[in-house]
């Protein structure tokens, strides 16, 4: 890996997803399946927010309800699944009544239903989250939740699917201004080198890069209004 590629990629990151503005400079939610599922659902078609607003506020309220201190793990999907028939109560606990795409029900109820579907499929904690057809089907069986929700859950749980690996390769290619698509191996090597250059751990940089590229590539939703509001760069779709 050339030093010039590393510097170029670091400059790209500083300009396009600076740490002072891009809210995804963290490791995601490895070993915290409850938080990962909440994030995957509540970040759909919504501004991610700050550490005290948006998605992270939802996770913090759930952590408080569960009496799980920071440093401990929110890692039992059965806790969310227990609210399958109490969606309104869960929405009150989470302080958020946004609805899933399609307006079927609240995201809180969607999270509870997804947790139950995953648990019924044998996935009860972060260690059980894998890119399998069974777990994918469990998530997308919930109205309003789609493959992107499942991909986010897997990624936030610390796992890389083939889709995520390809996405990171495209990010590394753009960041380094490579004329050819980097291989997954070269992309991984570049991210490791850039992380060292920026003095940040590799999982944190990988999470920030993955979120950036996924947001950049998402299809633009059509607007009913002839004068649509400015696009929110932090919004993600299911």
Protein backbone atom coordinates (compact mmCIF):
# COMPACT_ATOMS: atom_id res chain seq x y z
CA UNK A 1 0.00 0.00 0.00
CA UNK A 2 1.52 3.30 -1.11
CA UNK A 3 1.87 6.12 1.39
CA UNK A 4 0.26 8.44 -1.14
CA UNK A 5 -2.85 6.24 -1.21
CA UNK A 6 -3.10 6.38 2.56
CA UNK A 7 -2.70 10.15 2.67
CA UNK A 8 -5.21 10.63 -0.15
CA UNK A 9 -7.75 8.41 1.59
CA UNK A 10 -7.22 10.20 4.90
CA UNK A 11 -7.79 13.55 3.20
CA UNK A 12 -10.97 12.20 1.58
CA UNK A 13 -12.24 11.06 4.97
CA UNK A 14 -11.43 14.39 6.57
CA UNK A 15 -13.43 16.19 3.89
CA UNK A 16 -16.37 13.82 3.42
CA UNK A 17 -16.94 12.26 6.86
CA UNK A 18 -15.09 14.40 9.41
CA UNK A 19 -15.11 13.13 12.97
CA UNK A 20 -16.60 16.35 14.29
CA UNK A 21 -19.66 16.03 12.05
CA UNK A 22 -20.20 12.40 10.97
CA UNK A 23 -22.07 10.63 13.81
CA UNK A 24 -20.83 7.11 13.06
CA UNK A 25 -17.33 7.27 14.51
CA UNK A 26 -17.85 4.33 16.87
CA UNK A 27 -17.61 0.55 16.65
CA UNK A 28 -21.31 -0.14 16.24
CA UNK A 29 -22.82 -2.56 18.75
CA UNK A 30 -20.76 -5.78 18.90
CA UNK A 31 -22.06 -8.10 21.65
CA UNK A 32 -25.09 -5.83 22.10
CA UNK A 33 -27.79 -7.43 19.99
CA UNK A 34 -30.59 -5.33 21.47
CA UNK A 35 -28.81 -2.08 20.62
CA UNK A 36 -27.84 -3.36 17.17
CA UNK A 37 -31.44 -4.25 16.35
CA UNK A 38 -32.79 -0.94 17.65
CA UNK A 39 -30.17 0.96 15.63
CA UNK A 40 -30.89 -1.05 12.47
CA UNK A 41 -34.60 -0.25 12.70
CA UNK A 42 -34.62 3.30 14.08
CA UNK A 43 -31.92 4.57 11.69
CA UNK A 44 -34.13 3.63 8.73
CA UNK A 45 -35.38 6.76 6.96
CA UNK A 46 -34.38 8.98 9.86
CA UNK A 47 -31.64 11.36 10.90
CA UNK A 48 -29.18 9.45 13.08
CA UNK A 49 -28.72 12.32 15.52
CA UNK A 50 -26.17 13.07 18.20
CA UNK A 51 -25.16 11.01 21.24
CA UNK A 52 -28.17 12.50 23.05
CA UNK A 53 -30.75 12.52 20.24
CA UNK A 54 -32.12 10.23 17.58
CA UNK A 55 -31.04 6.60 17.47
CA UNK A 56 -28.54 6.77 20.30
CA UNK A 57 -31.11 8.41 22.56
CA UNK A 58 -33.43 5.47 21.84
CA UNK A 59 -30.67 3.03 22.80
CA UNK A 60 -29.85 5.01 25.95
CA UNK A 61 -33.50 5.02 27.06
CA UNK A 62 -33.68 1.27 26.52
CA UNK A 63 -30.44 0.82 28.45
CA UNK A 64 -31.90 2.82 31.32
CA UNK A 65 -35.11 0.76 31.26
CA UNK A 66 -33.08 -2.45 31.31
CA UNK A 67 -30.84 -1.08 34.10
CA UNK A 68 -27.79 -2.07 32.06
CA UNK A 69 -24.91 0.28 32.80
CA UNK A 70 -22.52 1.54 30.14
CA UNK A 71 -19.76 -1.05 29.81
CA UNK A 72 -22.23 -3.90 30.30
CA UNK A 73 -24.09 -5.48 27.43
CA UNK A 74 -27.61 -5.18 26.04
CA UNK A 75 -27.48 -8.68 24.66
CA UNK A 76 -30.71 -10.58 25.12
CA UNK A 77 -33.18 -10.28 22.27
CA UNK A 78 -35.85 -11.89 24.45
CA UNK A 79 -36.01 -8.63 26.42
CA UNK A 80 -37.26 -6.79 23.31
CA UNK A 81 -39.35 -9.76 22.16
CA UNK A 82 -41.31 -9.55 25.42
CA UNK A 83 -42.96 -6.38 24.05
CA UNK A 84 -44.33 -8.04 20.90
CA UNK A 85 -47.91 -7.44 22.07
CA UNK A 86 -47.05 -4.23 23.93
CA UNK A 87 -45.70 -2.04 21.14
CA UNK A 88 -47.25 1.15 22.50
CA UNK A 89 -45.63 0.59 25.89
CA UNK A 90 -42.24 0.02 24.26
CA UNK A 91 -42.64 3.19 22.16
CA UNK A 92 -43.25 5.13 25.37
CA UNK A 93 -40.15 3.63 27.00
CA UNK A 94 -38.03 4.48 23.96
CA UNK A 95 -39.52 7.97 23.64
CA UNK A 96 -39.98 7.52 19.90
CA UNK A 97 -43.12 6.90 17.86
CA UNK A 98 -41.67 6.90 14.36
CA UNK A 99 -43.25 4.31 12.12
CA UNK A 100 -41.65 1.69 9.90
CA UNK A 101 -41.69 2.17 6.12
CA UNK A 102 -45.20 1.43 4.91
CA UNK A 103 -46.67 2.86 8.13
CA UNK A 104 -47.64 -0.60 9.41
CA UNK A 105 -46.82 0.17 13.05
CA UNK A 106 -44.24 1.96 15.16
CA UNK A 107 -40.56 1.14 14.88
CA UNK A 108 -40.74 0.11 18.53
CA UNK A 109 -43.29 -2.57 17.70
CA UNK A 110 -41.23 -3.52 14.65
CA UNK A 111 -38.18 -4.01 16.89
CA UNK A 112 -40.14 -6.21 19.26
CA UNK A 113 -41.54 -8.30 16.40
CA UNK A 114 -38.13 -8.66 14.79
CA UNK A 115 -36.59 -9.69 18.11
CA UNK A 116 -39.22 -12.39 18.54
CA UNK A 117 -38.78 -13.61 14.96
CA UNK A 118 -35.01 -13.79 15.45
CA UNK A 119 -35.32 -15.55 18.80
CA UNK A 120 -37.76 -18.06 17.30
CA UNK A 121 -35.15 -18.70 14.58
CA UNK A 122 -32.52 -19.46 17.21
CA UNK A 123 -30.84 -16.04 17.40
CA UNK A 124 -30.93 -14.84 20.99
CA UNK A 125 -27.80 -12.71 21.36
CA UNK A 126 -25.05 -11.00 19.39
CA UNK A 127 -22.97 -14.16 19.10
CA UNK A 128 -25.88 -15.81 17.26
CA UNK A 129 -26.18 -13.07 14.61
CA UNK A 130 -24.93 -14.44 11.31
CA UNK A 131 -25.65 -13.85 7.63
CA UNK A 132 -27.95 -16.83 7.14
CA UNK A 133 -31.07 -17.15 5.04
CA UNK A 134 -33.03 -18.19 8.10
CA UNK A 135 -32.20 -15.05 10.07
CA UNK A 136 -32.60 -12.83 7.02
CA UNK A 137 -36.06 -14.29 6.45
CA UNK A 138 -36.93 -13.73 10.11
CA UNK A 139 -36.20 -10.02 9.87
CA UNK A 140 -37.84 -9.38 6.50
CA UNK A 141 -40.94 -11.30 7.63
CA UNK A 142 -41.79 -8.25 9.73
CA UNK A 143 -43.80 -5.77 7.62
CA UNK A 144 -41.78 -2.63 6.94
CA UNK A 145 -38.39 -4.25 7.50
CA UNK A 146 -36.25 -5.24 4.54
CA UNK A 147 -32.86 -6.66 3.54
CA UNK A 148 -31.09 -3.37 4.38
CA UNK A 149 -32.32 -3.66 7.96
CA UNK A 150 -30.88 -7.15 8.17
CA UNK A 151 -27.57 -6.08 6.60
CA UNK A 152 -27.31 -3.27 9.16
CA UNK A 153 -28.03 -5.63 12.04
CA UNK A 154 -25.32 -8.03 10.91
CA UNK A 155 -22.78 -5.27 10.35
CA UNK A 156 -23.48 -3.55 13.68
CA UNK A 157 -23.03 -6.92 15.35
CA UNK A 158 -19.44 -6.97 14.11
CA UNK A 159 -19.89 -9.30 11.13
CA UNK A 160 -19.10 -8.60 7.47
CA UNK A 161 -21.35 -10.02 4.77
CA UNK A 162 -20.25 -10.29 1.15
CA UNK A 163 -22.38 -7.21 0.46
CA UNK A 164 -20.59 -5.22 3.16
CA UNK A 165 -17.15 -6.31 1.95
CA UNK A 166 -18.00 -5.15 -1.57
CA UNK A 167 -19.33 -1.85 -0.24
CA UNK A 168 -16.12 -1.20 1.72
CA UNK A 169 -14.09 -2.00 -1.39
CA UNK A 170 -16.00 0.68 -3.27
CA UNK A 171 -15.40 3.14 -0.44
CA UNK A 172 -11.67 2.44 -0.41
CA UNK A 173 -11.54 2.79 -4.19
CA UNK A 174 -13.18 6.19 -4.11
CA UNK A 175 -11.23 7.40 -1.08
CA UNK A 176 -7.88 6.51 -2.66
CA UNK A 177 -8.90 7.80 -6.12
CA UNK A 178 -7.97 4.45 -7.61
CA UNK A 179 -8.83 4.10 -11.29
CA UNK A 180 -9.66 0.43 -10.77
CA UNK A 181 -11.88 -1.19 -8.17
CA UNK A 182 -9.73 -2.35 -5.28
CA UNK A 183 -9.89 -5.97 -4.26
CA UNK A 184 -11.32 -6.77 -0.85
CA UNK A 185 -7.80 -7.57 0.36
CA UNK A 186 -6.35 -4.27 -0.86
CA UNK A 187 -9.33 -2.36 0.55
CA UNK A 188 -8.86 -3.97 3.96
CA UNK A 189 -5.14 -3.18 3.93
CA UNK A 190 -5.88 0.44 3.04
CA UNK A 191 -8.41 0.81 5.86
CA UNK A 192 -5.94 -0.64 8.36
CA UNK A 193 -3.23 1.77 7.19
CA UNK A 194 -5.58 4.76 7.23
CA UNK A 195 -6.79 3.87 10.72
CA UNK A 196 -3.20 3.90 11.93
CA UNK A 197 -2.60 7.20 10.12
CA UNK A 198 -5.67 8.76 11.77
CA UNK A 199 -4.92 7.17 15.16
CA UNK A 200 -8.29 5.41 15.36
CA UNK A 201 -9.09 1.72 15.76
CA UNK A 202 -9.97 -0.23 12.63
CA UNK A 203 -13.56 -1.21 13.67
CA UNK A 204 -14.41 2.45 14.27
CA UNK A 205 -13.07 3.56 10.89
CA UNK A 206 -14.77 0.61 9.19
CA UNK A 207 -18.11 1.55 10.75
CA UNK A 208 -17.79 5.20 9.73
CA UNK A 209 -16.79 4.24 6.18
CA UNK A 210 -19.53 1.62 5.82
CA UNK A 211 -22.24 4.04 6.92
CA UNK A 212 -20.90 6.74 4.60
CA UNK A 213 -20.79 4.54 1.52
CA UNK A 214 -24.17 2.96 2.17
CA UNK A 215 -25.77 6.38 2.60
CA UNK A 216 -24.03 7.72 -0.52
CA UNK A 217 -25.28 4.80 -2.63
CA UNK A 218 -28.86 4.60 -1.41
CA UNK A 219 -31.54 5.37 -4.00
CA UNK A 220 -33.15 8.76 -3.67
CA UNK A 221 -36.81 8.49 -2.70
CA UNK A 222 -39.26 10.34 -4.88
CA UNK A 223 -41.04 13.26 -3.24
CA UNK A 224 -44.71 14.13 -3.59
CA UNK A 225 -43.98 17.82 -3.27
CA UNK A 226 -42.70 19.73 -6.30
CA UNK A 227 -40.28 21.56 -3.99
CA UNK A 228 -38.79 18.82 -1.81
CA UNK A 229 -36.84 19.68 1.35
CA UNK A 230 -33.08 19.42 1.29
CA UNK A 231 -31.88 15.84 1.54
CA UNK A 232 -30.62 14.81 4.97
CA UNK A 233 -27.18 13.25 4.49
CA UNK A 234 -27.62 11.28 7.73
CA UNK A 235 -30.86 9.60 6.68
CA UNK A 236 -30.88 5.92 5.80
CA UNK A 237 -33.55 3.71 4.30
CA UNK A 238 -34.60 0.21 5.25
